[in-house]
N, C-alpha and C. Protein backbone atom coordinates (compact mmCIF):
# COMPACT_ATOMS: atom_id res chain seq x y z
N MET A 1 12.95 34.29 135.76
CA MET A 1 14.17 33.87 134.95
C MET A 1 14.84 35.09 134.52
N LYS A 2 16.36 34.92 134.74
CA LYS A 2 17.11 36.06 134.34
C LYS A 2 17.91 35.72 132.95
N ILE A 3 17.78 36.42 132.04
CA ILE A 3 18.38 36.03 130.86
C ILE A 3 19.84 36.77 130.71
N ASP A 4 20.84 36.05 130.36
CA ASP A 4 22.21 36.55 130.22
C ASP A 4 22.19 37.65 129.29
N SER A 5 22.88 38.82 129.51
CA SER A 5 22.78 40.00 128.60
C SER A 5 23.56 39.74 127.46
N ARG A 6 24.46 38.77 127.42
CA ARG A 6 25.13 38.43 126.14
C ARG A 6 24.15 37.87 124.96
N LEU A 7 22.93 37.48 125.32
CA LEU A 7 22.13 36.87 124.42
C LEU A 7 21.20 38.08 123.67
N GLU A 8 21.27 39.32 124.30
CA GLU A 8 20.47 40.41 123.64
C GLU A 8 20.81 40.56 122.04
N ASN A 9 22.08 40.30 121.69
CA ASN A 9 22.38 40.45 120.25
C ASN A 9 21.73 39.36 119.35
N TYR A 10 21.24 38.29 119.89
CA TYR A 10 20.63 37.24 119.29
C TYR A 10 19.06 37.16 119.43
N ARG A 11 18.43 38.20 120.07
CA ARG A 11 17.07 38.15 120.46
C ARG A 11 16.36 38.44 119.07
N TRP A 12 15.30 37.82 118.92
CA TRP A 12 14.25 38.19 117.74
C TRP A 12 13.42 39.26 118.40
N ARG A 13 13.49 40.42 117.51
CA ARG A 13 12.80 41.51 117.98
C ARG A 13 11.55 41.94 117.28
N THR A 14 11.38 41.19 116.10
CA THR A 14 10.08 41.40 115.34
C THR A 14 9.50 40.02 115.07
N GLY A 15 8.26 40.12 114.54
CA GLY A 15 7.46 38.86 114.25
C GLY A 15 6.71 38.27 115.47
N PRO A 16 6.05 37.20 115.29
CA PRO A 16 5.29 36.67 116.44
C PRO A 16 6.03 36.27 117.71
N TRP A 17 7.25 36.06 117.54
CA TRP A 17 8.14 35.42 118.63
C TRP A 17 8.96 36.75 119.00
N GLY A 18 8.96 37.86 118.45
CA GLY A 18 9.62 39.16 118.88
C GLY A 18 9.46 39.56 120.28
N SER A 19 10.60 40.18 120.96
CA SER A 19 10.44 40.72 122.21
C SER A 19 11.46 41.76 122.29
N ASN A 20 11.35 42.50 123.33
CA ASN A 20 12.17 43.77 123.65
C ASN A 20 13.40 43.43 124.64
N THR A 21 14.48 44.22 124.32
CA THR A 21 15.65 44.24 125.14
C THR A 21 15.18 44.27 126.73
N GLY A 22 15.83 43.17 127.46
CA GLY A 22 15.51 43.10 128.80
C GLY A 22 14.28 42.29 129.32
N ASP A 23 13.40 41.94 128.27
CA ASP A 23 12.26 41.03 128.55
C ASP A 23 12.67 39.66 129.15
N ASP A 24 12.08 39.10 129.98
CA ASP A 24 12.45 37.74 130.65
C ASP A 24 11.84 36.69 129.73
N PHE A 25 11.50 36.81 128.54
CA PHE A 25 11.01 35.77 127.68
C PHE A 25 11.50 36.20 126.23
N GLY A 26 11.41 35.34 125.29
CA GLY A 26 11.48 35.63 123.95
C GLY A 26 12.21 34.45 123.06
N ALA A 27 12.44 34.70 121.89
CA ALA A 27 13.00 33.85 120.93
C ALA A 27 14.39 34.36 120.48
N PHE A 28 15.27 33.27 120.42
CA PHE A 28 16.79 33.77 120.13
C PHE A 28 17.35 32.83 119.15
N GLN A 29 18.38 33.28 118.40
CA GLN A 29 19.15 32.38 117.56
C GLN A 29 20.63 32.54 117.70
N ILE A 30 21.30 31.64 118.23
CA ILE A 30 22.63 31.91 118.62
C ILE A 30 23.66 30.73 117.99
N PRO A 31 24.91 31.07 117.78
CA PRO A 31 25.81 30.19 117.35
C PRO A 31 25.99 29.15 118.43
N GLY A 32 25.94 27.93 118.10
CA GLY A 32 26.18 26.84 119.28
C GLY A 32 27.66 26.53 119.38
N PRO A 33 27.96 25.70 120.32
CA PRO A 33 29.38 25.33 120.56
C PRO A 33 29.85 24.24 119.63
N CYS A 34 28.86 23.51 118.95
CA CYS A 34 29.13 22.35 118.06
C CYS A 34 28.91 22.72 116.46
N GLY A 35 28.97 23.92 116.21
CA GLY A 35 28.72 24.39 114.92
C GLY A 35 27.41 24.47 114.28
N GLU A 36 26.42 24.40 115.00
CA GLU A 36 24.91 24.43 114.47
C GLU A 36 24.38 25.86 115.20
N GLU A 37 23.60 26.47 114.43
CA GLU A 37 22.92 27.58 114.96
C GLU A 37 21.77 27.00 115.90
N LEU A 38 21.64 27.54 117.11
CA LEU A 38 20.53 26.94 118.07
C LEU A 38 19.42 28.06 118.16
N LYS A 39 18.21 27.62 117.87
CA LYS A 39 17.01 28.27 117.99
C LYS A 39 16.50 28.08 119.34
N ILE A 40 16.07 29.20 120.09
CA ILE A 40 15.77 28.99 121.49
C ILE A 40 14.43 29.84 121.73
N ILE A 41 13.55 29.26 122.41
CA ILE A 41 12.27 29.94 122.94
C ILE A 41 12.27 29.74 124.45
N ALA A 42 12.17 30.97 125.22
CA ALA A 42 12.30 30.94 126.62
C ALA A 42 11.09 31.69 127.16
N SER A 43 10.42 31.06 128.14
CA SER A 43 9.40 31.73 128.79
C SER A 43 9.55 31.71 130.46
N PRO A 44 9.19 32.67 131.12
CA PRO A 44 9.50 32.91 132.51
C PRO A 44 8.63 32.05 133.51
N GLY A 45 7.55 31.59 133.01
CA GLY A 45 6.73 30.81 133.99
C GLY A 45 5.94 31.69 134.91
N ASP A 46 5.49 32.70 134.47
CA ASP A 46 4.68 33.63 135.47
C ASP A 46 3.11 33.47 135.23
N ALA A 47 2.40 33.81 136.11
CA ALA A 47 0.96 33.93 136.16
C ALA A 47 0.35 34.46 135.00
N HIS A 48 0.94 35.34 134.29
CA HIS A 48 0.41 35.84 133.07
C HIS A 48 0.18 34.90 132.02
N GLU A 49 1.02 33.95 131.77
CA GLU A 49 0.90 32.94 130.90
C GLU A 49 0.16 31.62 131.40
N SER A 50 -0.21 31.74 132.64
CA SER A 50 -0.73 30.52 133.46
C SER A 50 0.05 29.34 133.18
N ILE A 51 1.50 29.61 133.25
CA ILE A 51 2.36 28.35 133.37
C ILE A 51 3.28 28.39 134.71
N PRO A 52 3.11 27.58 135.48
CA PRO A 52 3.95 27.77 136.95
C PRO A 52 5.41 27.44 136.86
N TRP A 53 6.00 27.10 135.60
CA TRP A 53 7.38 26.87 135.63
C TRP A 53 8.10 27.60 134.51
N GLU A 54 9.39 27.72 134.52
CA GLU A 54 10.27 28.28 133.58
C GLU A 54 10.45 27.28 132.55
N HIS A 55 10.52 27.74 131.29
CA HIS A 55 10.76 26.77 130.19
C HIS A 55 11.68 27.38 129.15
N VAL A 56 12.57 26.44 128.58
CA VAL A 56 13.62 26.81 127.55
C VAL A 56 13.46 25.62 126.58
N SER A 57 13.12 25.97 125.26
CA SER A 57 13.04 24.91 124.14
C SER A 57 14.33 25.36 123.45
N VAL A 58 14.99 24.21 122.76
CA VAL A 58 16.08 24.31 121.99
C VAL A 58 16.06 23.54 120.83
N SER A 59 16.50 23.87 119.65
CA SER A 59 16.31 23.09 118.47
C SER A 59 17.50 23.63 117.47
N THR A 60 17.80 22.69 116.53
CA THR A 60 18.71 23.06 115.51
C THR A 60 17.97 22.76 114.03
N ARG A 61 18.54 23.08 113.02
CA ARG A 61 17.95 22.88 111.77
C ARG A 61 17.85 21.38 111.35
N ARG A 62 18.82 20.61 111.66
CA ARG A 62 18.98 19.33 111.09
C ARG A 62 18.88 18.18 112.10
N ARG A 63 18.91 18.42 113.38
CA ARG A 63 18.99 17.24 114.41
C ARG A 63 18.64 17.77 115.75
N CYS A 64 18.36 16.83 116.65
CA CYS A 64 18.20 17.24 118.06
C CYS A 64 19.45 17.80 118.62
N PRO A 65 19.28 18.62 119.50
CA PRO A 65 20.49 19.17 120.00
C PRO A 65 21.40 18.09 120.89
N PHE A 66 22.67 18.35 120.91
CA PHE A 66 23.46 17.48 121.65
C PHE A 66 23.53 17.97 123.15
N TRP A 67 23.96 17.10 123.94
CA TRP A 67 23.87 17.33 125.29
C TRP A 67 24.80 18.47 125.68
N LYS A 68 25.99 18.78 125.01
CA LYS A 68 26.90 20.00 125.23
C LYS A 68 26.09 21.06 124.82
N GLU A 69 25.23 21.12 123.77
CA GLU A 69 24.54 22.23 123.41
C GLU A 69 23.46 22.70 124.46
N MET A 70 22.75 21.60 124.95
CA MET A 70 21.83 21.91 126.01
C MET A 70 22.40 22.53 127.16
N CYS A 71 23.72 21.91 127.61
CA CYS A 71 24.44 22.63 128.86
C CYS A 71 24.89 24.01 128.42
N PHE A 72 25.19 24.23 127.25
CA PHE A 72 25.68 25.68 126.94
C PHE A 72 24.37 26.63 126.92
N VAL A 73 23.23 26.24 126.55
CA VAL A 73 22.11 26.99 126.64
C VAL A 73 21.65 27.16 128.05
N LYS A 74 21.69 26.22 128.86
CA LYS A 74 21.43 26.20 130.30
C LYS A 74 22.15 27.37 131.07
N ASP A 75 23.40 27.54 130.77
CA ASP A 75 24.24 28.49 131.23
C ASP A 75 23.73 30.01 131.04
N PHE A 76 23.04 30.11 129.95
CA PHE A 76 22.36 31.49 129.69
C PHE A 76 21.11 31.85 130.40
N PHE A 77 20.36 30.71 130.86
CA PHE A 77 19.18 31.14 131.64
C PHE A 77 19.12 30.74 132.98
C-alpha cells in the first residue's frame, strides 16, 4: 500500500496507533470534505500481520462516513 505524502501531516506519531513518516500503515486524523474530521486506520496487508489484504477503516465522531468521504479517503491509499 502506498500512502499519499499529503497524509504525513495528519499521521498519529505517538501512542498505540503511532507510526513513523513513510510507514505503509498507521492512524490518521484528517479534515474531511463534508465538514467532519475523519479518523483512519490503515494496514498494508503483509505477512507480518498475517493479513493477506490491504485494509483502511474510516470513522467520524458522530455518524457513519458518507460515500463522498469514503471516496475521498480511497484516493489517498
